[in-house]
Amino acid sequence: LASGAVVTAIDAVMWKNVDAAFCAVRPPGHHAERDRAMGFCLFN
């Protein structure tokens, strides 16, 4: 759902339903590499 939230936001921005979007998600993501979780992050 956290990754899907960013997909939802991208769609809303690209369809111009909103001007910008903030995704209040967890688990966070930027430490997750292609093949492993780390640093509190499951998916990127």
ModelCIF file with pLDDT and N, C-alpha, C, O atoms, coordinates in Angstrom:
data_MODEL
#
_entry.id   MODEL 
#
_entity.id                         1 
_entity.type                       polymer 
_entity.pdbx_number_of_molecules   1 
#
_entity_poly.entity_id                      1 
_entity_poly.type                           'polypeptide(L)' 
_entity_poly.nstd_linkage                   no 
_entity_poly.nstd_monomer                   no 
_entity_poly.pdbx_seq_one_letter_code       LASGAVVTAIDAVMWKNVDAAFCAVRPPGHHAERDRAMGFCLFN 
_entity_poly.pdbx_seq_one_letter_code_can   LASGAVVTAIDAVMWKNVDAAFCAVRPPGHHAERDRAMGFCLFN 
_entity_poly.pdbx_strand_id                 A 
#
loop_
_entity_poly_seq.entity_id 
_entity_poly_seq.num 
_entity_poly_seq.mon_id 
_entity_poly_seq.hetero 
1 1  LEU n 
1 2  ALA n 
1 3  SER n 
1 4  GLY n 
1 5  ALA n 
1 6  VAL n 
1 7  VAL n 
1 8  THR n 
1 9  ALA n 
1 10 ILE n 
1 11 ASP n 
1 12 ALA n 
1 13 VAL n 
1 14 MET n 
1 15 TRP n 
1 16 LYS n 
1 17 ASN n 
1 18 VAL n 
1 19 ASP n 
1 20 ALA n 
1 21 ALA n 
1 22 PHE n 
1 23 CYS n 
1 24 ALA n 
1 25 VAL n 
1 26 ARG n 
1 27 PRO n 
1 28 PRO n 
1 29 GLY n 
1 30 HIS n 
1 31 HIS n 
1 32 ALA n 
1 33 GLU n 
1 34 ARG n 
1 35 ASP n 
1 36 ARG n 
1 37 ALA n 
1 38 MET n 
1 39 GLY n 
1 40 PHE n 
1 41 CYS n 
1 42 LEU n 
1 43 PHE n 
1 44 ASN n 
#
_struct_asym.id          A 
_struct_asym.entity_id   1 
#
loop_
_ma_qa_metric.id 
_ma_qa_metric.mode 
_ma_qa_metric.name 
_ma_qa_metric.software_group_id 
_ma_qa_metric.type 
1 global pLDDT . pLDDT 
2 local  pLDDT . pLDDT 
#
_ma_qa_metric_global.metric_id      1 
_ma_qa_metric_global.metric_value   97.68 
_ma_qa_metric_global.model_id       1 
_ma_qa_metric_global.ordinal_id     1 
#
loop_
_ma_qa_metric_local.label_asym_id 
_ma_qa_metric_local.label_comp_id 
_ma_qa_metric_local.label_seq_id 
_ma_qa_metric_local.metric_id 
_ma_qa_metric_local.metric_value 
_ma_qa_metric_local.model_id 
_ma_qa_metric_local.ordinal_id 
A LEU 1  2 98.00 1 1  
A ALA 2  2 98.00 1 2  
A SER 3  2 98.00 1 3  
A GLY 4  2 98.00 1 4  
A ALA 5  2 98.00 1 5  
A VAL 6  2 99.00 1 6  
A VAL 7  2 98.00 1 7  
A THR 8  2 98.00 1 8  
A ALA 9  2 98.00 1 9  
A ILE 10 2 98.00 1 10 
A ASP 11 2 98.00 1 11 
A ALA 12 2 98.00 1 12 
A VAL 13 2 98.00 1 13 
A MET 14 2 98.00 1 14 
A TRP 15 2 97.00 1 15 
A LYS 16 2 96.00 1 16 
A ASN 17 2 97.00 1 17 
A VAL 18 2 97.00 1 18 
A ASP 19 2 96.00 1 19 
A ALA 20 2 97.00 1 20 
A ALA 21 2 98.00 1 21 
A PHE 22 2 98.00 1 22 
A CYS 23 2 99.00 1 23 
A ALA 24 2 98.00 1 24 
A VAL 25 2 98.00 1 25 
A ARG 26 2 98.00 1 26 
A PRO 27 2 98.00 1 27 
A PRO 28 2 98.00 1 28 
A GLY 29 2 98.00 1 29 
A HIS 30 2 98.00 1 30 
A HIS 31 2 98.00 1 31 
A ALA 32 2 98.00 1 32 
A GLU 33 2 98.00 1 33 
A ARG 34 2 98.00 1 34 
A ASP 35 2 97.00 1 35 
A ARG 36 2 95.00 1 36 
A ALA 37 2 97.00 1 37 
A MET 38 2 96.00 1 38 
A GLY 39 2 97.00 1 39 
A PHE 40 2 98.00 1 40 
A CYS 41 2 98.00 1 41 
A LEU 42 2 98.00 1 42 
A PHE 43 2 98.00 1 43 
A ASN 44 2 98.00 1 44 
#
loop_
_atom_site.group_PDB 
_atom_site.id 
_atom_site.type_symbol 
_atom_site.label_atom_id 
_atom_site.label_alt_id 
_atom_site.label_comp_id 
_atom_site.label_asym_id 
_atom_site.label_entity_id 
_atom_site.label_seq_id 
_atom_site.pdbx_PDB_ins_code 
_atom_site.Cartn_x 
_atom_site.Cartn_y 
_atom_site.Cartn_z 
_atom_site.occupancy 
_atom_site.B_iso_or_equiv 
_atom_site.pdbx_formal_charge 
_atom_site.auth_seq_id 
_atom_site.auth_comp_id 
_atom_site.auth_asym_id 
_atom_site.auth_atom_id 
_atom_site.pdbx_PDB_model_num 
ATOM 1   N N  . LEU A 1 1  ? 0.822  -1.201 0.000   1.00 98.00 ? 1  LEU A N  1 
ATOM 2   C CA . LEU A 1 1  ? 0.000  0.000  0.000   1.00 98.00 ? 1  LEU A CA 1 
ATOM 3   C C  . LEU A 1 1  ? 0.863  1.261  0.000   1.00 98.00 ? 1  LEU A C  1 
ATOM 4   O O  . LEU A 1 1  ? 0.494  2.259  -0.620  1.00 98.00 ? 1  LEU A O  1 
ATOM 5   N N  . ALA A 1 2  ? 2.011  1.230  0.689   1.00 98.00 ? 2  ALA A N  1 
ATOM 6   C CA . ALA A 1 2  ? 2.905  2.389  0.706   1.00 98.00 ? 2  ALA A CA 1 
ATOM 7   C C  . ALA A 1 2  ? 3.435  2.696  -0.688  1.00 98.00 ? 2  ALA A C  1 
ATOM 8   O O  . ALA A 1 2  ? 3.464  3.852  -1.109  1.00 98.00 ? 2  ALA A O  1 
ATOM 9   N N  . SER A 1 3  ? 3.855  1.649  -1.406  1.00 98.00 ? 3  SER A N  1 
ATOM 10  C CA . SER A 1 3  ? 4.289  1.868  -2.792  1.00 98.00 ? 3  SER A CA 1 
ATOM 11  C C  . SER A 1 3  ? 3.112  2.288  -3.663  1.00 98.00 ? 3  SER A C  1 
ATOM 12  O O  . SER A 1 3  ? 3.254  3.145  -4.536  1.00 98.00 ? 3  SER A O  1 
ATOM 13  N N  . GLY A 1 4  ? 1.952  1.683  -3.427  1.00 98.00 ? 4  GLY A N  1 
ATOM 14  C CA . GLY A 1 4  ? 0.767  2.050  -4.183  1.00 98.00 ? 4  GLY A CA 1 
ATOM 15  C C  . GLY A 1 4  ? 0.332  3.476  -3.936  1.00 98.00 ? 4  GLY A C  1 
ATOM 16  O O  . GLY A 1 4  ? -0.252 4.105  -4.819  1.00 98.00 ? 4  GLY A O  1 
ATOM 17  N N  . ALA A 1 5  ? 0.605  4.002  -2.745  1.00 98.00 ? 5  ALA A N  1 
ATOM 18  C CA . ALA A 1 5  ? 0.268  5.393  -2.452  1.00 98.00 ? 5  ALA A CA 1 
ATOM 19  C C  . ALA A 1 5  ? 1.015  6.343  -3.382  1.00 98.00 ? 5  ALA A C  1 
ATOM 20  O O  . ALA A 1 5  ? 0.462  7.351  -3.823  1.00 98.00 ? 5  ALA A O  1 
ATOM 21  N N  . VAL A 1 6  ? 2.269  6.019  -3.677  1.00 99.00 ? 6  VAL A N  1 
ATOM 22  C CA . VAL A 1 6  ? 3.042  6.866  -4.583  1.00 99.00 ? 6  VAL A CA 1 
ATOM 23  C C  . VAL A 1 6  ? 2.496  6.748  -6.004  1.00 99.00 ? 6  VAL A C  1 
ATOM 24  O O  . VAL A 1 6  ? 2.444  7.738  -6.734  1.00 99.00 ? 6  VAL A O  1 
ATOM 25  N N  . VAL A 1 7  ? 2.090  5.547  -6.397  1.00 98.00 ? 7  VAL A N  1 
ATOM 26  C CA . VAL A 1 7  ? 1.432  5.363  -7.695  1.00 98.00 ? 7  VAL A CA 1 
ATOM 27  C C  . VAL A 1 7  ? 0.161  6.208  -7.761  1.00 98.00 ? 7  VAL A C  1 
ATOM 28  O O  . VAL A 1 7  ? -0.094 6.877  -8.762  1.00 98.00 ? 7  VAL A O  1 
ATOM 29  N N  . THR A 1 8  ? -0.633 6.176  -6.692  1.00 98.00 ? 8  THR A N  1 
ATOM 30  C CA . THR A 1 8  ? -1.855 6.983  -6.623  1.00 98.00 ? 8  THR A CA 1 
ATOM 31  C C  . THR A 1 8  ? -1.546 8.463  -6.787  1.00 98.00 ? 8  THR A C  1 
ATOM 32  O O  . THR A 1 8  ? -2.240 9.173  -7.515  1.00 98.00 ? 8  THR A O  1 
ATOM 33  N N  . ALA A 1 9  ? -0.505 8.924  -6.110  1.00 98.00 ? 9  ALA A N  1 
ATOM 34  C CA . ALA A 1 9  ? -0.128 10.336 -6.186  1.00 98.00 ? 9  ALA A CA 1 
ATOM 35  C C  . ALA A 1 9  ? 0.377  10.701 -7.577  1.00 98.00 ? 9  ALA A C  1 
ATOM 36  O O  . ALA A 1 9  ? 0.032  11.758 -8.104  1.00 98.00 ? 9  ALA A O  1 
ATOM 37  N N  . ILE A 1 10 ? 1.190  9.834  -8.172  1.00 98.00 ? 10 ILE A N  1 
ATOM 38  C CA . ILE A 1 10 ? 1.672  10.091 -9.536  1.00 98.00 ? 10 ILE A CA 1 
ATOM 39  C C  . ILE A 1 10 ? 0.491  10.222 -10.487 1.00 98.00 ? 10 ILE A C  1 
ATOM 40  O O  . ILE A 1 10 ? 0.447  11.149 -11.295 1.00 98.00 ? 10 ILE A O  1 
ATOM 41  N N  . ASP A 1 11 ? -0.464 9.305  -10.399 1.00 98.00 ? 11 ASP A N  1 
ATOM 42  C CA . ASP A 1 11 ? -1.640 9.377  -11.270 1.00 98.00 ? 11 ASP A CA 1 
ATOM 43  C C  . ASP A 1 11 ? -2.383 10.695 -11.075 1.00 98.00 ? 11 ASP A C  1 
ATOM 44  O O  . ASP A 1 11 ? -2.753 11.349 -12.050 1.00 98.00 ? 11 ASP A O  1 
ATOM 45  N N  . ALA A 1 12 ? -2.601 11.083 -9.833  1.00 98.00 ? 12 ALA A N  1 
ATOM 46  C CA . ALA A 1 12 ? -3.363 12.298 -9.550  1.00 98.00 ? 12 ALA A CA 1 
ATOM 47  C C  . ALA A 1 12 ? -2.665 13.541 -10.090 1.00 98.00 ? 12 ALA A C  1 
ATOM 48  O O  . ALA A 1 12 ? -3.316 14.452 -10.601 1.00 98.00 ? 12 ALA A O  1 
ATOM 49  N N  . VAL A 1 13 ? -1.346 13.575 -9.977  1.00 98.00 ? 13 VAL A N  1 
ATOM 50  C CA . VAL A 1 13 ? -0.590 14.720 -10.482 1.00 98.00 ? 13 VAL A CA 1 
ATOM 51  C C  . VAL A 1 13 ? -0.560 14.723 -12.009 1.00 98.00 ? 13 VAL A C  1 
ATOM 52  O O  . VAL A 1 13 ? -0.758 15.763 -12.637 1.00 98.00 ? 13 VAL A O  1 
ATOM 53  N N  . MET A 1 14 ? -0.313 13.560 -12.600 1.00 98.00 ? 14 MET A N  1 
ATOM 54  C CA . MET A 1 14 ? -0.223 13.506 -14.054 1.00 98.00 ? 14 MET A CA 1 
ATOM 55  C C  . MET A 1 14 ? -1.575 13.761 -14.719 1.00 98.00 ? 14 MET A C  1 
ATOM 56  O O  . MET A 1 14 ? -1.628 14.320 -15.814 1.00 98.00 ? 14 MET A O  1 
ATOM 57  N N  . TRP A 1 15 ? -2.661 13.360 -14.071 1.00 97.00 ? 15 TRP A N  1 
ATOM 58  C CA . TRP A 1 15 ? -4.001 13.626 -14.588 1.00 97.00 ? 15 TRP A CA 1 
ATOM 59  C C  . TRP A 1 15 ? -4.493 15.024 -14.230 1.00 97.00 ? 15 TRP A C  1 
ATOM 60  O O  . TRP A 1 15 ? -5.599 15.425 -14.594 1.00 97.00 ? 15 TRP A O  1 
ATOM 61  N N  . LYS A 1 16 ? -3.630 15.772 -13.494 1.00 96.00 ? 16 LYS A N  1 
ATOM 62  C CA . LYS A 1 16 ? -3.937 17.151 -13.086 1.00 96.00 ? 16 LYS A CA 1 
ATOM 63  C C  . LYS A 1 16 ? -5.154 17.237 -12.167 1.00 96.00 ? 16 LYS A C  1 
ATOM 64  O O  . LYS A 1 16 ? -5.853 18.250 -12.139 1.00 96.00 ? 16 LYS A O  1 
ATOM 65  N N  . ASN A 1 17 ? -5.396 16.168 -11.422 1.00 97.00 ? 17 ASN A N  1 
ATOM 66  C CA . ASN A 1 17 ? -6.430 16.227 -10.387 1.00 97.00 ? 17 ASN A CA 1 
ATOM 67  C C  . ASN A 1 17 ? -5.957 17.030 -9.180  1.00 97.00 ? 17 ASN A C  1 
ATOM 68  O O  . ASN A 1 17 ? -6.765 17.596 -8.444  1.00 97.00 ? 17 ASN A O  1 
ATOM 69  N N  . VAL A 1 18 ? -4.650 17.076 -8.985  1.00 97.00 ? 18 VAL A N  1 
ATOM 70  C CA . VAL A 1 18 ? -4.037 17.914 -7.956  1.00 97.00 ? 18 VAL A CA 1 
ATOM 71  C C  . VAL A 1 18 ? -2.789 18.543 -8.567  1.00 97.00 ? 18 VAL A C  1 
ATOM 72  O O  . VAL A 1 18 ? -2.305 18.101 -9.609  1.00 97.00 ? 18 VAL A O  1 
ATOM 73  N N  . ASP A 1 19 ? -2.277 19.579 -7.906  1.00 96.00 ? 19 ASP A N  1 
ATOM 74  C CA . ASP A 1 19 ? -1.076 20.255 -8.414  1.00 96.00 ? 19 ASP A CA 1 
ATOM 75  C C  . ASP A 1 19 ? 0.207  19.617 -7.888  1.00 96.00 ? 19 ASP A C  1 
ATOM 76  O O  . ASP A 1 19 ? 1.245  19.654 -8.549  1.00 96.00 ? 19 ASP A O  1 
ATOM 77  N N  . ALA A 1 20 ? 0.126  19.041 -6.707  1.00 97.00 ? 20 ALA A N  1 
ATOM 78  C CA . ALA A 1 20 ? 1.249  18.342 -6.081  1.00 97.00 ? 20 ALA A CA 1 
ATOM 79  C C  . ALA A 1 20 ? 0.638  17.403 -5.050  1.00 97.00 ? 20 ALA A C  1 
ATOM 80  O O  . ALA A 1 20 ? -0.548 17.503 -4.737  1.00 97.00 ? 20 ALA A O  1 
ATOM 81  N N  . ALA A 1 21 ? 1.456  16.487 -4.521  1.00 98.00 ? 21 ALA A N  1 
ATOM 82  C CA . ALA A 1 21 ? 0.912  15.531 -3.557  1.00 98.00 ? 21 ALA A CA 1 
ATOM 83  C C  . ALA A 1 21 ? 1.967  15.150 -2.537  1.00 98.00 ? 21 ALA A C  1 
ATOM 84  O O  . ALA A 1 21 ? 3.161  15.116 -2.832  1.00 98.00 ? 21 ALA A O  1 
ATOM 85  N N  . PHE A 1 22 ? 1.495  14.863 -1.320  1.00 98.00 ? 22 PHE A N  1 
ATOM 86  C CA . PHE A 1 22 ? 2.349  14.355 -0.246  1.00 98.00 ? 22 PHE A CA 1 
ATOM 87  C C  . PHE A 1 22 ? 1.821  12.999 0.177   1.00 98.00 ? 22 PHE A C  1 
ATOM 88  O O  . PHE A 1 22 ? 0.628  12.840 0.434   1.00 98.00 ? 22 PHE A O  1 
ATOM 89  N N  . CYS A 1 23 ? 2.712  12.022 0.247   1.00 99.00 ? 23 CYS A N  1 
ATOM 90  C CA . CYS A 1 23 ? 2.336  10.663 0.634   1.00 99.00 ? 23 CYS A CA 1 
ATOM 91  C C  . CYS A 1 23 ? 2.824  10.390 2.051   1.00 99.00 ? 23 CYS A C  1 
ATOM 92  O O  . CYS A 1 23 ? 4.024  10.253 2.290   1.00 99.00 ? 23 CYS A O  1 
ATOM 93  N N  . ALA A 1 24 ? 1.883  10.313 2.987   1.00 98.00 ? 24 ALA A N  1 
ATOM 94  C CA . ALA A 1 24 ? 2.211  10.036 4.388   1.00 98.00 ? 24 ALA A CA 1 
ATOM 95  C C  . ALA A 1 24 ? 2.176  8.530  4.583   1.00 98.00 ? 24 ALA A C  1 
ATOM 96  O O  . ALA A 1 24 ? 1.154  7.964  4.972   1.00 98.00 ? 24 ALA A O  1 
ATOM 97  N N  . VAL A 1 25 ? 3.309  7.886  4.308   1.00 98.00 ? 25 VAL A N  1 
ATOM 98  C CA . VAL A 1 25 ? 3.353  6.425  4.259   1.00 98.00 ? 25 VAL A CA 1 
ATOM 99  C C  . VAL A 1 25 ? 4.353  5.865  5.260   1.00 98.00 ? 25 VAL A C  1 
ATOM 100 O O  . VAL A 1 25 ? 5.269  6.550  5.713   1.00 98.00 ? 25 VAL A O  1 
ATOM 101 N N  . ARG A 1 26 ? 4.149  4.625  5.579   1.00 98.00 ? 26 ARG A N  1 
ATOM 102 C CA . ARG A 1 26 ? 5.126  3.775  6.231   1.00 98.00 ? 26 ARG A CA 1 
ATOM 103 C C  . ARG A 1 26 ? 4.714  2.335  5.938   1.00 98.00 ? 26 ARG A C  1 
ATOM 104 O O  . ARG A 1 26 ? 3.521  2.046  5.854   1.00 98.00 ? 26 ARG A O  1 
ATOM 105 N N  . PRO A 1 27 ? 5.675  1.429  5.782   1.00 98.00 ? 27 PRO A N  1 
ATOM 106 C CA . PRO A 1 27 ? 7.117  1.627  5.963   1.00 98.00 ? 27 PRO A CA 1 
ATOM 107 C C  . PRO A 1 27 ? 7.710  2.549  4.905   1.00 98.00 ? 27 PRO A C  1 
ATOM 108 O O  . PRO A 1 27 ? 7.202  2.650  3.787   1.00 98.00 ? 27 PRO A O  1 
ATOM 109 N N  . PRO A 1 28 ? 8.812  3.230  5.288   1.00 98.00 ? 28 PRO A N  1 
ATOM 110 C CA . PRO A 1 28 ? 9.518  4.075  4.310   1.00 98.00 ? 28 PRO A CA 1 
ATOM 111 C C  . PRO A 1 28 ? 10.217 3.209  3.267   1.00 98.00 ? 28 PRO A C  1 
ATOM 112 O O  . PRO A 1 28 ? 10.073 1.987  3.271   1.00 98.00 ? 28 PRO A O  1 
ATOM 113 N N  . GLY A 1 29 ? 10.990 3.858  2.358   1.00 98.00 ? 29 GLY A N  1 
ATOM 114 C CA . GLY A 1 29 ? 11.463 3.070  1.233   1.00 98.00 ? 29 GLY A CA 1 
ATOM 115 C C  . GLY A 1 29 ? 12.865 3.266  0.705   1.00 98.00 ? 29 GLY A C  1 
ATOM 116 O O  . GLY A 1 29 ? 13.380 2.368  0.040   1.00 98.00 ? 29 GLY A O  1 
ATOM 117 N N  . HIS A 1 30 ? 13.525 4.406  0.967   1.00 98.00 ? 30 HIS A N  1 
ATOM 118 C CA . HIS A 1 30 ? 14.687 4.726  0.125   1.00 98.00 ? 30 HIS A CA 1 
ATOM 119 C C  . HIS A 1 30 ? 15.931 3.882  0.394   1.00 98.00 ? 30 HIS A C  1 
ATOM 120 O O  . HIS A 1 30 ? 16.882 3.938  -0.385  1.00 98.00 ? 30 HIS A O  1 
ATOM 121 N N  . HIS A 1 31 ? 15.950 3.102  1.476   1.00 98.00 ? 31 HIS A N  1 
ATOM 122 C CA . HIS A 1 31 ? 17.077 2.182  1.694   1.00 98.00 ? 31 HIS A CA 1 
ATOM 123 C C  . HIS A 1 31 ? 16.868 0.814  1.035   1.00 98.00 ? 31 HIS A C  1 
ATOM 124 O O  . HIS A 1 31 ? 17.820 0.045  0.902   1.00 98.00 ? 31 HIS A O  1 
ATOM 125 N N  . ALA A 1 32 ? 15.647 0.504  0.627   1.00 98.00 ? 32 ALA A N  1 
ATOM 126 C CA . ALA A 1 32 ? 15.367 -0.813 0.044   1.00 98.00 ? 32 ALA A CA 1 
ATOM 127 C C  . ALA A 1 32 ? 16.008 -0.922 -1.338  1.00 98.00 ? 32 ALA A C  1 
ATOM 128 O O  . ALA A 1 32 ? 15.715 -0.124 -2.228  1.00 98.00 ? 32 ALA A O  1 
ATOM 129 N N  . GLU A 1 33 ? 16.878 -1.905 -1.510  1.00 98.00 ? 33 GLU A N  1 
ATOM 130 C CA . GLU A 1 33 ? 17.533 -2.120 -2.794  1.00 98.00 ? 33 GLU A CA 1 
ATOM 131 C C  . GLU A 1 33 ? 16.698 -3.074 -3.635  1.00 98.00 ? 33 GLU A C  1 
ATOM 132 O O  . GLU A 1 33 ? 15.653 -3.554 -3.196  1.00 98.00 ? 33 GLU A O  1 
ATOM 133 N N  . ARG A 1 34 ? 17.159 -3.337 -4.822  1.00 98.00 ? 34 ARG A N  1 
ATOM 134 C CA . ARG A 1 34 ? 16.391 -4.176 -5.745  1.00 98.00 ? 34 ARG A CA 1 
ATOM 135 C C  . ARG A 1 34 ? 16.071 -5.538 -5.138  1.00 98.00 ? 34 ARG A C  1 
ATOM 136 O O  . ARG A 1 34 ? 14.991 -6.085 -5.359  1.00 98.00 ? 34 ARG A O  1 
ATOM 137 N N  . ASP A 1 35 ? 17.013 -6.080 -4.373  1.00 97.00 ? 35 ASP A N  1 
ATOM 138 C CA . ASP A 1 35 ? 16.854 -7.457 -3.912  1.00 97.00 ? 35 ASP A CA 1 
ATOM 139 C C  . ASP A 1 35 ? 16.885 -7.615 -2.396  1.00 97.00 ? 35 ASP A C  1 
ATOM 140 O O  . ASP A 1 35 ? 17.037 -8.735 -1.907  1.00 97.00 ? 35 ASP A O  1 
ATOM 141 N N  . ARG A 1 36 ? 16.745 -6.528 -1.636  1.00 95.00 ? 36 ARG A N  1 
ATOM 142 C CA . ARG A 1 36 ? 16.748 -6.683 -0.184  1.00 95.00 ? 36 ARG A CA 1 
ATOM 143 C C  . ARG A 1 36 ? 16.161 -5.462 0.522   1.00 95.00 ? 36 ARG A C  1 
ATOM 144 O O  . ARG A 1 36 ? 16.222 -4.332 0.037   1.00 95.00 ? 36 ARG A O  1 
ATOM 145 N N  . ALA A 1 37 ? 15.585 -5.752 1.702   1.00 97.00 ? 37 ALA A N  1 
ATOM 146 C CA . ALA A 1 37 ? 15.108 -4.709 2.597   1.00 97.00 ? 37 ALA A CA 1 
ATOM 147 C C  . ALA A 1 37 ? 16.245 -4.307 3.538   1.00 97.00 ? 37 ALA A C  1 
ATOM 148 O O  . ALA A 1 37 ? 17.104 -5.119 3.881   1.00 97.00 ? 37 ALA A O  1 
ATOM 149 N N  . MET A 1 38 ? 16.229 -3.048 3.944   1.00 96.00 ? 38 MET A N  1 
ATOM 150 C CA . MET A 1 38 ? 17.192 -2.591 4.937   1.00 96.00 ? 38 MET A CA 1 
ATOM 151 C C  . MET A 1 38 ? 16.788 -1.202 5.427   1.00 96.00 ? 38 MET A C  1 
ATOM 152 O O  . MET A 1 38 ? 16.002 -0.504 4.785   1.00 96.00 ? 38 MET A O  1 
ATOM 153 N N  . GLY A 1 39 ? 17.343 -0.816 6.578   1.00 97.00 ? 39 GLY A N  1 
ATOM 154 C CA . GLY A 1 39 ? 17.150 0.535  7.075   1.00 97.00 ? 39 GLY A CA 1 
ATOM 155 C C  . GLY A 1 39 ? 15.702 0.932  7.288   1.00 97.00 ? 39 GLY A C  1 
ATOM 156 O O  . GLY A 1 39 ? 15.311 2.046  6.938   1.00 97.00 ? 39 GLY A O  1 
ATOM 157 N N  . PHE A 1 40 ? 14.905 0.049  7.850   1.00 98.00 ? 40 PHE A N  1 
ATOM 158 C CA . PHE A 1 40 ? 13.475 0.251  8.119   1.00 98.00 ? 40 PHE A CA 1 
ATOM 159 C C  . PHE A 1 40 ? 12.613 0.128  6.868   1.00 98.00 ? 40 PHE A C  1 
ATOM 160 O O  . PHE A 1 40 ? 11.391 0.233  6.964   1.00 98.00 ? 40 PHE A O  1 
ATOM 161 N N  . CYS A 1 41 ? 13.208 -0.090 5.698   1.00 98.00 ? 41 CYS A N  1 
ATOM 162 C CA . CYS A 1 41 ? 12.499 -0.004 4.415   1.00 98.00 ? 41 CYS A CA 1 
ATOM 163 C C  . CYS A 1 41 ? 12.263 -1.394 3.820   1.00 98.00 ? 41 CYS A C  1 
ATOM 164 O O  . CYS A 1 41 ? 13.168 -2.228 3.812   1.00 98.00 ? 41 CYS A O  1 
ATOM 165 N N  . LEU A 1 42 ? 11.059 -1.643 3.327   1.00 98.00 ? 42 LEU A N  1 
ATOM 166 C CA . LEU A 1 42 ? 10.708 -2.934 2.741   1.00 98.00 ? 42 LEU A CA 1 
ATOM 167 C C  . LEU A 1 42 ? 10.726 -2.879 1.220   1.00 98.00 ? 42 LEU A C  1 
ATOM 168 O O  . LEU A 1 42 ? 11.465 -3.632 0.586   1.00 98.00 ? 42 LEU A O  1 
ATOM 169 N N  . PHE A 1 43 ? 9.927  -2.002 0.628   1.00 98.00 ? 43 PHE A N  1 
ATOM 170 C CA . PHE A 1 43 ? 9.965  -1.751 -0.815  1.00 98.00 ? 43 PHE A CA 1 
ATOM 171 C C  . PHE A 1 43 ? 10.360 -0.292 -1.041  1.00 98.00 ? 43 PHE A C  1 
ATOM 172 O O  . PHE A 1 43 ? 10.113 0.565  -0.192  1.00 98.00 ? 43 PHE A O  1 
ATOM 173 N N  . ASN A 1 44 ? 10.973 -0.021 -2.191  1.00 98.00 ? 44 ASN A N  1 
ATOM 174 C CA . ASN A 1 44 ? 11.419 1.342  -2.475  1.00 98.00 ? 44 ASN A CA 1 
ATOM 175 C C  . ASN A 1 44 ? 10.272 2.131  -3.110  1.00 98.00 ? 44 ASN A C  1 
ATOM 176 O O  . ASN A 1 44 ? 10.435 3.308  -3.429  1.00 98.00 ? 44 ASN A O  1 
#
